[in-house]
Full PDB file with SEQRES, HELIX, SHEET, SSBOND, CRYST1, ORIGX, SCALE, CONECT and MASTER records, all heavy atoms in Angstrom:
SEQRES   1 A   44  ALA GLY PHE GLY ALA GLY MET GLY THR MET GLU ALA THR          
SEQRES   2 A   44  CYS GLY ALA LEU VAL GLY VAL SER ILE VAL ALA GLY LEU          
SEQRES   3 A   44  LYS THR GLU GLY LYS GLY THR MET ALA HIS SER ARG LYS          
SEQRES   4 A   44  LEU LEU LEU ASN PHE                                          
HELIX    1 AA1 GLY A   15  LYS A   27  1                                  13    
HELIX    2 AA2 THR A   33  ASN A   43  1                                  11    
CRYST1    1.000    1.000    1.000  90.00  90.00  90.00 P 1           1          
ORIGX1      1.000000  0.000000  0.000000        0.00000                         
ORIGX2      0.000000  1.000000  0.000000        0.00000                         
ORIGX3      0.000000  0.000000  1.000000        0.00000                         
SCALE1      1.000000  0.000000  0.000000        0.00000                         
SCALE2      0.000000  1.000000  0.000000        0.00000                         
SCALE3      0.000000  0.000000  1.000000        0.00000                         
ATOM      1  N   ALA A   1       0.766  -1.236   0.028  1.00  0.00           N  
ATOM      2  CA  ALA A   1       0.063  -0.030  -0.012  1.00  0.00           C  
ATOM      3  C   ALA A   1       0.863   1.249   0.061  1.00  0.00           C  
ATOM      4  O   ALA A   1       0.427   2.336  -0.560  1.00  0.00           O  
ATOM      5  CB  ALA A   1      -0.972  -0.028   1.179  1.00  0.00           C  
ATOM      6  N   GLY A   2       1.995   1.176   0.651  1.00  0.00           N  
ATOM      7  CA  GLY A   2       2.749   2.520   0.619  1.00  0.00           C  
ATOM      8  C   GLY A   2       3.795   2.726  -0.443  1.00  0.00           C  
ATOM      9  O   GLY A   2       4.576   3.735  -0.360  1.00  0.00           O  
ATOM     10  N   PHE A   3       3.628   2.000  -1.453  1.00  0.00           N  
ATOM     11  CA  PHE A   3       4.601   2.039  -2.552  1.00  0.00           C  
ATOM     12  C   PHE A   3       3.979   2.547  -3.910  1.00  0.00           C  
ATOM     13  O   PHE A   3       4.530   2.372  -4.927  1.00  0.00           O  
ATOM     14  CB  PHE A   3       5.266   0.707  -2.845  1.00  0.00           C  
ATOM     15  CG  PHE A   3       6.115   0.160  -1.654  1.00  0.00           C  
ATOM     16  CD1 PHE A   3       5.552  -0.842  -0.879  1.00  0.00           C  
ATOM     17  CD2 PHE A   3       7.279   0.683  -1.339  1.00  0.00           C  
ATOM     18  CE1 PHE A   3       6.232  -1.259   0.303  1.00  0.00           C  
ATOM     19  CE2 PHE A   3       7.981   0.268  -0.169  1.00  0.00           C  
ATOM     20  CZ  PHE A   3       7.466  -0.682   0.634  1.00  0.00           C  
ATOM     21  N   GLY A   4       2.754   3.123  -3.750  1.00  0.00           N  
ATOM     22  CA  GLY A   4       2.250   3.788  -4.924  1.00  0.00           C  
ATOM     23  C   GLY A   4       2.863   5.072  -5.280  1.00  0.00           C  
ATOM     24  O   GLY A   4       3.557   5.755  -4.410  1.00  0.00           O  
ATOM     25  N   ALA A   5       2.736   5.549  -6.466  1.00  0.00           N  
ATOM     26  CA  ALA A   5       3.278   6.808  -6.873  1.00  0.00           C  
ATOM     27  C   ALA A   5       4.738   6.909  -6.718  1.00  0.00           C  
ATOM     28  O   ALA A   5       5.404   7.853  -6.231  1.00  0.00           O  
ATOM     29  CB  ALA A   5       2.533   8.063  -6.298  1.00  0.00           C  
ATOM     30  N   GLY A   6       5.394   5.691  -6.937  1.00  0.00           N  
ATOM     31  CA  GLY A   6       6.883   5.621  -6.788  1.00  0.00           C  
ATOM     32  C   GLY A   6       7.426   6.047  -5.329  1.00  0.00           C  
ATOM     33  O   GLY A   6       7.849   7.323  -5.159  1.00  0.00           O  
ATOM     34  N   MET A   7       7.127   5.195  -4.349  1.00  0.00           N  
ATOM     35  CA  MET A   7       7.585   5.569  -2.906  1.00  0.00           C  
ATOM     36  C   MET A   7       8.215   6.893  -2.756  1.00  0.00           C  
ATOM     37  O   MET A   7       9.199   7.272  -3.432  1.00  0.00           O  
ATOM     38  CB  MET A   7       8.530   4.521  -2.499  1.00  0.00           C  
ATOM     39  CG  MET A   7       8.705   4.514  -1.015  1.00  0.00           C  
ATOM     40  SD  MET A   7       9.636   3.077  -0.444  1.00  0.00           S  
ATOM     41  CE  MET A   7      11.210   3.877  -0.110  1.00  0.00           C  
ATOM     42  N   GLY A   8       7.441   7.686  -1.949  1.00  0.00           N  
ATOM     43  CA  GLY A   8       8.082   9.071  -1.776  1.00  0.00           C  
ATOM     44  C   GLY A   8       7.262   9.965  -2.742  1.00  0.00           C  
ATOM     45  O   GLY A   8       7.861  11.160  -3.021  1.00  0.00           O  
ATOM     46  N   THR A   9       6.124   9.711  -3.194  1.00  0.00           N  
ATOM     47  CA  THR A   9       5.399  10.524  -4.100  1.00  0.00           C  
ATOM     48  C   THR A   9       6.200  10.975  -5.320  1.00  0.00           C  
ATOM     49  O   THR A   9       6.509  12.156  -5.500  1.00  0.00           O  
ATOM     50  CB  THR A   9       4.847  11.814  -3.299  1.00  0.00           C  
ATOM     51  OG1 THR A   9       4.461  11.440  -2.083  1.00  0.00           O  
ATOM     52  CG2 THR A   9       3.694  12.341  -4.086  1.00  0.00           C  
ATOM     53  N   MET A  10       6.423   9.872  -6.088  1.00  0.00           N  
ATOM     54  CA  MET A  10       7.097  10.040  -7.354  1.00  0.00           C  
ATOM     55  C   MET A  10       8.579  10.266  -7.373  1.00  0.00           C  
ATOM     56  O   MET A  10       9.301  10.450  -8.325  1.00  0.00           O  
ATOM     57  CB  MET A  10       6.411  11.101  -8.212  1.00  0.00           C  
ATOM     58  CG  MET A  10       5.099  10.791  -8.699  1.00  0.00           C  
ATOM     59  SD  MET A  10       4.516  11.811  -9.965  1.00  0.00           S  
ATOM     60  CE  MET A  10       2.950  11.005 -10.416  1.00  0.00           C  
ATOM     61  N   GLU A  11       9.206  10.369  -6.176  1.00  0.00           N  
ATOM     62  CA  GLU A  11      10.624  10.670  -6.015  1.00  0.00           C  
ATOM     63  C   GLU A  11      11.518   9.376  -6.120  1.00  0.00           C  
ATOM     64  O   GLU A  11      12.717   9.535  -6.265  1.00  0.00           O  
ATOM     65  CB  GLU A  11      10.893  11.317  -4.690  1.00  0.00           C  
ATOM     66  CG  GLU A  11      10.420  12.834  -4.635  1.00  0.00           C  
ATOM     67  CD  GLU A  11      11.030  13.600  -5.654  1.00  0.00           C  
ATOM     68  OE1 GLU A  11      12.151  13.568  -5.892  1.00  0.00           O  
ATOM     69  OE2 GLU A  11      10.230  14.508  -6.231  1.00  0.00           O  
ATOM     70  N   ALA A  12      10.932   8.144  -6.116  1.00  0.00           N  
ATOM     71  CA  ALA A  12      11.804   6.961  -6.031  1.00  0.00           C  
ATOM     72  C   ALA A  12      11.371   6.029  -7.089  1.00  0.00           C  
ATOM     73  O   ALA A  12      10.578   6.252  -7.920  1.00  0.00           O  
ATOM     74  CB  ALA A  12      11.882   6.492  -4.595  1.00  0.00           C  
ATOM     75  N   THR A  13      11.778   4.727  -6.795  1.00  0.00           N  
ATOM     76  CA  THR A  13      11.381   3.629  -7.725  1.00  0.00           C  
ATOM     77  C   THR A  13       9.979   3.392  -7.970  1.00  0.00           C  
ATOM     78  O   THR A  13       9.148   3.502  -7.103  1.00  0.00           O  
ATOM     79  CB  THR A  13      12.041   2.321  -7.050  1.00  0.00           C  
ATOM     80  OG1 THR A  13      13.456   2.478  -6.917  1.00  0.00           O  
ATOM     81  CG2 THR A  13      11.912   1.262  -8.129  1.00  0.00           C  
ATOM     82  N   CYS A  14       9.776   3.243  -9.154  1.00  0.00           N  
ATOM     83  CA  CYS A  14       8.323   2.925  -9.650  1.00  0.00           C  
ATOM     84  C   CYS A  14       7.638   1.740  -8.747  1.00  0.00           C  
ATOM     85  O   CYS A  14       8.234   0.785  -8.543  1.00  0.00           O  
ATOM     86  CB  CYS A  14       8.255   2.516 -11.078  1.00  0.00           C  
ATOM     87  SG  CYS A  14       6.708   1.832 -11.713  1.00  0.00           S  
ATOM     88  N   GLY A  15       6.396   2.049  -8.362  1.00  0.00           N  
ATOM     89  CA  GLY A  15       5.705   1.096  -7.390  1.00  0.00           C  
ATOM     90  C   GLY A  15       5.672  -0.197  -8.136  1.00  0.00           C  
ATOM     91  O   GLY A  15       5.602  -1.277  -7.305  1.00  0.00           O  
ATOM     92  N   ALA A  16       5.353  -0.239  -9.374  1.00  0.00           N  
ATOM     93  CA  ALA A  16       5.203  -1.576 -10.042  1.00  0.00           C  
ATOM     94  C   ALA A  16       6.434  -2.441  -9.962  1.00  0.00           C  
ATOM     95  O   ALA A  16       6.419  -3.647  -9.722  1.00  0.00           O  
ATOM     96  CB  ALA A  16       4.996  -1.483 -11.642  1.00  0.00           C  
ATOM     97  N   LEU A  17       7.613  -1.751 -10.038  1.00  0.00           N  
ATOM     98  CA  LEU A  17       8.919  -2.574  -9.817  1.00  0.00           C  
ATOM     99  C   LEU A  17       9.111  -2.900  -8.383  1.00  0.00           C  
ATOM    100  O   LEU A  17       9.583  -3.969  -8.106  1.00  0.00           O  
ATOM    101  CB  LEU A  17      10.015  -1.527 -10.339  1.00  0.00           C  
ATOM    102  CG  LEU A  17      11.434  -2.169 -10.413  1.00  0.00           C  
ATOM    103  CD1 LEU A  17      11.547  -3.425 -11.059  1.00  0.00           C  
ATOM    104  CD2 LEU A  17      12.361  -1.107 -11.002  1.00  0.00           C  
ATOM    105  N   VAL A  18       8.725  -2.144  -7.470  1.00  0.00           N  
ATOM    106  CA  VAL A  18       8.746  -2.439  -6.009  1.00  0.00           C  
ATOM    107  C   VAL A  18       7.872  -3.740  -5.749  1.00  0.00           C  
ATOM    108  O   VAL A  18       8.295  -4.580  -5.090  1.00  0.00           O  
ATOM    109  CB  VAL A  18       8.359  -1.263  -5.070  1.00  0.00           C  
ATOM    110  CG1 VAL A  18       8.303  -1.715  -3.668  1.00  0.00           C  
ATOM    111  CG2 VAL A  18       9.370  -0.176  -5.327  1.00  0.00           C  
ATOM    112  N   GLY A  19       6.578  -3.565  -6.263  1.00  0.00           N  
ATOM    113  CA  GLY A  19       5.768  -4.709  -6.147  1.00  0.00           C  
ATOM    114  C   GLY A  19       6.239  -6.067  -6.653  1.00  0.00           C  
ATOM    115  O   GLY A  19       6.076  -7.101  -6.077  1.00  0.00           O  
ATOM    116  N   VAL A  20       6.954  -5.960  -7.806  1.00  0.00           N  
ATOM    117  CA  VAL A  20       7.353  -7.332  -8.512  1.00  0.00           C  
ATOM    118  C   VAL A  20       8.519  -7.777  -7.674  1.00  0.00           C  
ATOM    119  O   VAL A  20       8.771  -8.925  -7.605  1.00  0.00           O  
ATOM    120  CB  VAL A  20       7.549  -7.087  -9.885  1.00  0.00           C  
ATOM    121  CG1 VAL A  20       8.793  -6.297 -10.206  1.00  0.00           C  
ATOM    122  CG2 VAL A  20       7.451  -8.341 -10.691  1.00  0.00           C  
ATOM    123  N   SER A  21       9.300  -6.778  -7.160  1.00  0.00           N  
ATOM    124  CA  SER A  21      10.397  -7.275  -6.329  1.00  0.00           C  
ATOM    125  C   SER A  21       9.985  -7.919  -5.024  1.00  0.00           C  
ATOM    126  O   SER A  21      10.671  -8.919  -4.598  1.00  0.00           O  
ATOM    127  CB  SER A  21      11.445  -6.070  -5.973  1.00  0.00           C  
ATOM    128  OG  SER A  21      11.989  -5.650  -7.301  1.00  0.00           O  
ATOM    129  N   ILE A  22       8.968  -7.363  -4.455  1.00  0.00           N  
ATOM    130  CA  ILE A  22       8.419  -7.999  -3.207  1.00  0.00           C  
ATOM    131  C   ILE A  22       7.938  -9.480  -3.598  1.00  0.00           C  
ATOM    132  O   ILE A  22       8.272 -10.361  -2.864  1.00  0.00           O  
ATOM    133  CB  ILE A  22       7.319  -7.078  -2.562  1.00  0.00           C  
ATOM    134  CG1 ILE A  22       7.849  -5.813  -1.973  1.00  0.00           C  
ATOM    135  CG2 ILE A  22       6.441  -7.972  -1.646  1.00  0.00           C  
ATOM    136  CD1 ILE A  22       6.959  -4.773  -1.687  1.00  0.00           C  
ATOM    137  N   VAL A  23       7.273  -9.603  -4.583  1.00  0.00           N  
ATOM    138  CA  VAL A  23       6.839 -10.914  -5.028  1.00  0.00           C  
ATOM    139  C   VAL A  23       7.981 -11.779  -5.270  1.00  0.00           C  
ATOM    140  O   VAL A  23       7.945 -13.000  -4.852  1.00  0.00           O  
ATOM    141  CB  VAL A  23       5.856 -10.820  -6.175  1.00  0.00           C  
ATOM    142  CG1 VAL A  23       5.457 -12.350  -6.779  1.00  0.00           C  
ATOM    143  CG2 VAL A  23       4.543 -10.130  -5.943  1.00  0.00           C  
ATOM    144  N   ALA A  24       9.063 -11.315  -6.003  1.00  0.00           N  
ATOM    145  CA  ALA A  24      10.194 -12.170  -6.189  1.00  0.00           C  
ATOM    146  C   ALA A  24      10.897 -12.602  -4.872  1.00  0.00           C  
ATOM    147  O   ALA A  24      11.298 -13.712  -4.779  1.00  0.00           O  
ATOM    148  CB  ALA A  24      11.169 -11.260  -7.097  1.00  0.00           C  
ATOM    149  N   GLY A  25      10.905 -11.611  -3.890  1.00  0.00           N  
ATOM    150  CA  GLY A  25      11.519 -12.083  -2.604  1.00  0.00           C  
ATOM    151  C   GLY A  25      10.634 -13.131  -1.969  1.00  0.00           C  
ATOM    152  O   GLY A  25      11.215 -14.152  -1.332  1.00  0.00           O  
ATOM    153  N   LEU A  26       9.346 -13.078  -2.125  1.00  0.00           N  
ATOM    154  CA  LEU A  26       8.427 -14.123  -1.416  1.00  0.00           C  
ATOM    155  C   LEU A  26       8.575 -15.432  -2.256  1.00  0.00           C  
ATOM    156  O   LEU A  26       8.629 -16.524  -1.671  1.00  0.00           O  
ATOM    157  CB  LEU A  26       7.018 -13.725  -1.434  1.00  0.00           C  
ATOM    158  CG  LEU A  26       6.740 -12.521  -0.538  1.00  0.00           C  
ATOM    159  CD1 LEU A  26       5.257 -11.945  -0.946  1.00  0.00           C  
ATOM    160  CD2 LEU A  26       6.841 -12.962   0.935  1.00  0.00           C  
ATOM    161  N   LYS A  27       8.746 -15.389  -3.626  1.00  0.00           N  
ATOM    162  CA  LYS A  27       8.829 -16.525  -4.491  1.00  0.00           C  
ATOM    163  C   LYS A  27      10.144 -17.268  -4.085  1.00  0.00           C  
ATOM    164  O   LYS A  27      10.119 -18.545  -4.137  1.00  0.00           O  
ATOM    165  CB  LYS A  27       8.652 -16.153  -5.916  1.00  0.00           C  
ATOM    166  CG  LYS A  27       8.934 -17.294  -6.932  1.00  0.00           C  
ATOM    167  CD  LYS A  27       7.799 -18.146  -7.072  1.00  0.00           C  
ATOM    168  CE  LYS A  27       8.012 -19.185  -8.178  1.00  0.00           C  
ATOM    169  NZ  LYS A  27       6.792 -20.086  -8.308  1.00  0.00           N  
ATOM    170  N   THR A  28      11.213 -16.546  -3.951  1.00  0.00           N  
ATOM    171  CA  THR A  28      12.626 -17.175  -3.806  1.00  0.00           C  
ATOM    172  C   THR A  28      12.894 -17.306  -2.423  1.00  0.00           C  
ATOM    173  O   THR A  28      13.898 -17.810  -2.143  1.00  0.00           O  
ATOM    174  CB  THR A  28      13.649 -16.213  -4.474  1.00  0.00           C  
ATOM    175  OG1 THR A  28      13.515 -14.992  -3.822  1.00  0.00           O  
ATOM    176  CG2 THR A  28      13.404 -16.028  -5.933  1.00  0.00           C  
ATOM    177  N   GLU A  29      11.944 -17.012  -1.493  1.00  0.00           N  
ATOM    178  CA  GLU A  29      12.077 -17.179  -0.132  1.00  0.00           C  
ATOM    179  C   GLU A  29      13.478 -16.339   0.432  1.00  0.00           C  
ATOM    180  O   GLU A  29      14.236 -16.785   1.224  1.00  0.00           O  
ATOM    181  CB  GLU A  29      12.131 -18.605   0.389  1.00  0.00           C  
ATOM    182  CG  GLU A  29      10.792 -19.279   0.117  1.00  0.00           C  
ATOM    183  CD  GLU A  29      10.720 -20.674   0.704  1.00  0.00           C  
ATOM    184  OE1 GLU A  29      11.850 -21.411   0.761  1.00  0.00           O  
ATOM    185  OE2 GLU A  29       9.643 -21.203   0.716  1.00  0.00           O  
ATOM    186  N   GLY A  30      13.682 -15.374  -0.282  1.00  0.00           N  
ATOM    187  CA  GLY A  30      14.923 -14.376  -0.083  1.00  0.00           C  
ATOM    188  C   GLY A  30      16.249 -15.045  -0.585  1.00  0.00           C  
ATOM    189  O   GLY A  30      17.268 -14.323  -0.335  1.00  0.00           O  
ATOM    190  N   LYS A  31      16.213 -16.158  -1.199  1.00  0.00           N  
ATOM    191  CA  LYS A  31      17.484 -16.774  -1.675  1.00  0.00           C  
ATOM    192  C   LYS A  31      17.640 -16.133  -3.091  1.00  0.00           C  
ATOM    193  O   LYS A  31      16.950 -16.502  -4.134  1.00  0.00           O  
ATOM    194  CB  LYS A  31      17.372 -18.229  -1.753  1.00  0.00           C  
ATOM    195  CG  LYS A  31      17.195 -18.824  -0.283  1.00  0.00           C  
ATOM    196  CD  LYS A  31      16.976 -20.405  -0.423  1.00  0.00           C  
ATOM    197  CE  LYS A  31      16.761 -20.979   0.878  1.00  0.00           C  
ATOM    198  NZ  LYS A  31      15.453 -20.720   1.492  1.00  0.00           N  
ATOM    199  N   GLY A  32      18.772 -15.392  -3.248  1.00  0.00           N  
ATOM    200  CA  GLY A  32      19.265 -14.833  -4.406  1.00  0.00           C  
ATOM    201  C   GLY A  32      18.278 -13.677  -4.935  1.00  0.00           C  
ATOM    202  O   GLY A  32      18.400 -13.276  -6.064  1.00  0.00           O  
ATOM    203  N   THR A  33      17.522 -13.200  -3.947  1.00  0.00           N  
ATOM    204  CA  THR A  33      16.493 -12.076  -4.355  1.00  0.00           C  
ATOM    205  C   THR A  33      17.223 -10.820  -4.830  1.00  0.00           C  
ATOM    206  O   THR A  33      16.801 -10.080  -5.810  1.00  0.00           O  
ATOM    207  CB  THR A  33      15.658 -11.805  -3.333  1.00  0.00           C  
ATOM    208  OG1 THR A  33      14.987 -13.000  -2.816  1.00  0.00           O  
ATOM    209  CG2 THR A  33      14.408 -10.879  -3.729  1.00  0.00           C  
ATOM    210  N   MET A  34      18.388 -10.467  -4.316  1.00  0.00           N  
ATOM    211  CA  MET A  34      18.957  -9.278  -4.667  1.00  0.00           C  
ATOM    212  C   MET A  34      19.442  -9.369  -6.260  1.00  0.00           C  
ATOM    213  O   MET A  34      19.217  -8.399  -6.967  1.00  0.00           O  
ATOM    214  CB  MET A  34      20.125  -8.949  -3.753  1.00  0.00           C  
ATOM    215  CG  MET A  34      19.622  -8.401  -2.443  1.00  0.00           C  
ATOM    216  SD  MET A  34      21.175  -7.779  -1.390  1.00  0.00           S  
ATOM    217  CE  MET A  34      21.757  -6.492  -2.414  1.00  0.00           C  
ATOM    218  N   ALA A  35      19.900 -10.492  -6.560  1.00  0.00           N  
ATOM    219  CA  ALA A  35      20.339 -10.576  -8.022  1.00  0.00           C  
ATOM    220  C   ALA A  35      19.126 -10.621  -8.884  1.00  0.00           C  
ATOM    221  O   ALA A  35      19.137 -10.046  -9.915  1.00  0.00           O  
ATOM    222  CB  ALA A  35      21.062 -11.962  -8.163  1.00  0.00           C  
ATOM    223  N   HIS A  36      17.965 -11.264  -8.472  1.00  0.00           N  
ATOM    224  CA  HIS A  36      16.796 -11.268  -9.354  1.00  0.00           C  
ATOM    225  C   HIS A  36      16.244  -9.891  -9.462  1.00  0.00           C  
ATOM    226  O   HIS A  36      15.749  -9.461 -10.430  1.00  0.00           O  
ATOM    227  CB  HIS A  36      15.576 -12.096  -8.650  1.00  0.00           C  
ATOM    228  CG  HIS A  36      15.924 -13.506  -8.729  1.00  0.00           C  
ATOM    229  ND1 HIS A  36      16.058 -14.183  -9.967  1.00  0.00           N  
ATOM    230  CD2 HIS A  36      16.152 -14.536  -7.864  1.00  0.00           C  
ATOM    231  CE1 HIS A  36      16.234 -15.529  -9.735  1.00  0.00           C  
ATOM    232  NE2 HIS A  36      16.227 -15.682  -8.447  1.00  0.00           N  
ATOM    233  N   SER A  37      16.254  -9.073  -8.216  1.00  0.00           N  
ATOM    234  CA  SER A  37      15.820  -7.711  -8.231  1.00  0.00           C  
ATOM    235  C   SER A  37      16.660  -6.809  -9.209  1.00  0.00           C  
ATOM    236  O   SER A  37      16.001  -5.904  -9.895  1.00  0.00           O  
ATOM    237  CB  SER A  37      15.931  -7.091  -6.937  1.00  0.00           C  
ATOM    238  OG  SER A  37      14.898  -7.597  -6.063  1.00  0.00           O  
ATOM    239  N   ARG A  38      17.960  -6.973  -9.293  1.00  0.00           N  
ATOM    240  CA  ARG A  38      18.672  -6.330 -10.220  1.00  0.00           C  
ATOM    241  C   ARG A  38      18.249  -6.717 -11.711  1.00  0.00           C  
ATOM    242  O   ARG A  38      18.229  -5.742 -12.523  1.00  0.00           O  
ATOM    243  CB  ARG A  38      20.195  -6.677 -10.110  1.00  0.00           C  
ATOM    244  CG  ARG A  38      21.171  -6.016 -10.975  1.00  0.00           C  
ATOM    245  CD  ARG A  38      21.368  -4.618 -10.734  1.00  0.00           C  
ATOM    246  NE  ARG A  38      22.349  -4.097 -11.704  1.00  0.00           N  
ATOM    247  CZ  ARG A  38      22.438  -2.792 -12.034  1.00  0.00           C  
ATOM    248  NH1 ARG A  38      21.590  -1.937 -11.455  1.00  0.00           N  
ATOM    249  NH2 ARG A  38      23.345  -2.336 -12.941  1.00  0.00           N  
ATOM    250  N   LYS A  39      17.982  -7.940 -11.924  1.00  0.00           N  
ATOM    251  CA  LYS A  39      17.669  -8.396 -13.363  1.00  0.00           C  
ATOM    252  C   LYS A  39      16.312  -7.739 -13.596  1.00  0.00           C  
ATOM    253  O   LYS A  39      15.995  -7.368 -14.774  1.00  0.00           O  
ATOM    254  CB  LYS A  39      17.576  -9.911 -13.414  1.00  0.00           C  
ATOM    255  CG  LYS A  39      18.978 -10.391 -13.443  1.00  0.00           C  
ATOM    256  CD  LYS A  39      18.967 -11.955 -13.478  1.00  0.00           C  
ATOM    257  CE  LYS A  39      20.327 -12.496 -13.395  1.00  0.00           C  
ATOM    258  NZ  LYS A  39      20.201 -14.118 -13.420  1.00  0.00           N  
ATOM    259  N   LEU A  40      15.398  -7.778 -12.620  1.00  0.00           N  
ATOM    260  CA  LEU A  40      14.037  -7.086 -12.772  1.00  0.00           C  
ATOM    261  C   LEU A  40      14.199  -5.661 -13.191  1.00  0.00           C  
ATOM    262  O   LEU A  40      13.479  -5.210 -14.045  1.00  0.00           O  
ATOM    263  CB  LEU A  40      13.224  -7.298 -11.584  1.00  0.00           C  
ATOM    264  CG  LEU A  40      12.634  -8.693 -11.294  1.00  0.00           C  
ATOM    265  CD1 LEU A  40      12.053  -8.834  -9.993  1.00  0.00           C  
ATOM    266  CD2 LEU A  40      11.622  -9.219 -12.401  1.00  0.00           C  
ATOM    267  N   LEU A  41      15.015  -5.071 -12.375  1.00  0.00           N  
ATOM    268  CA  LEU A  41      15.231  -3.527 -12.582  1.00  0.00           C  
ATOM    269  C   LEU A  41      15.864  -3.354 -13.994  1.00  0.00           C  
ATOM    270  O   LEU A  41      15.259  -2.417 -14.667  1.00  0.00           O  
ATOM    271  CB  LEU A  41      16.139  -3.102 -11.564  1.00  0.00           C  
ATOM    272  CG  LEU A  41      16.445  -1.555 -11.787  1.00  0.00           C  
ATOM    273  CD1 LEU A  41      16.560  -0.987 -10.321  1.00  0.00           C  
ATOM    274  CD2 LEU A  41      17.825  -1.221 -12.394  1.00  0.00           C  
ATOM    275  N   LEU A  42      16.735  -4.078 -14.429  1.00  0.00           N  
ATOM    276  CA  LEU A  42      17.357  -3.915 -15.776  1.00  0.00           C  
ATOM    277  C   LEU A  42      16.280  -4.191 -16.854  1.00  0.00           C  
ATOM    278  O   LEU A  42      16.227  -3.469 -17.882  1.00  0.00           O  
ATOM    279  CB  LEU A  42      18.472  -4.615 -15.974  1.00  0.00           C  
ATOM    280  CG  LEU A  42      19.775  -4.262 -15.110  1.00  0.00           C  
ATOM    281  CD1 LEU A  42      20.939  -5.309 -15.226  1.00  0.00           C  
ATOM    282  CD2 LEU A  42      20.257  -2.850 -15.398  1.00  0.00           C  
ATOM    283  N   ASN A  43      15.463  -5.315 -16.663  1.00  0.00           N  
ATOM    284  CA  ASN A  43      14.550  -5.566 -17.668  1.00  0.00           C  
ATOM    285  C   ASN A  43      13.484  -4.580 -17.813  1.00  0.00           C  
ATOM    286  O   ASN A  43      13.081  -4.116 -18.978  1.00  0.00           O  
ATOM    287  CB  ASN A  43      13.961  -6.943 -17.278  1.00  0.00           C  
ATOM    288  CG  ASN A  43      12.976  -7.519 -18.285  1.00  0.00           C  
ATOM    289  OD1 ASN A  43      12.061  -6.980 -18.745  1.00  0.00           O  
ATOM    290  ND2 ASN A  43      13.105  -8.801 -18.580  1.00  0.00           N  
ATOM    291  N   PHE A  44      12.944  -4.014 -16.566  1.00  0.00           N  
ATOM    292  CA  PHE A  44      12.036  -2.986 -16.515  1.00  0.00           C  
ATOM    293  C   PHE A  44      12.509  -1.778 -17.083  1.00  0.00           C  
ATOM    294  O   PHE A  44      11.715  -1.067 -17.917  1.00  0.00           O  
ATOM    295  CB  PHE A  44      11.568  -2.766 -15.048  1.00  0.00           C  
ATOM    296  CG  PHE A  44      10.588  -1.776 -14.890  1.00  0.00           C  
ATOM    297  CD1 PHE A  44       9.175  -2.178 -14.829  1.00  0.00           C  
ATOM    298  CD2 PHE A  44      10.818  -0.562 -14.665  1.00  0.00           C  
ATOM    299  CE1 PHE A  44       8.222  -1.272 -14.643  1.00  0.00           C  
ATOM    300  CE2 PHE A  44       9.766   0.525 -14.432  1.00  0.00           C  
ATOM    301  CZ  PHE A  44       8.512   0.080 -14.355  1.00  0.00           C  
TER     302      PHE A  44                                                      
MASTER        0    0    0    2    0    0    0    6  301    1    0    4          
END                                                                             
């Protein structure tokens, strides 16, 4: 809920990218999530 309008009211990372990174962390149970988040960011 707090990540809409790019956390910080448009000042930071797009909420869609934050949301997908949260799901990635849950899916991977935190294992390798930073590397996945980096790939998600580059792809996005």
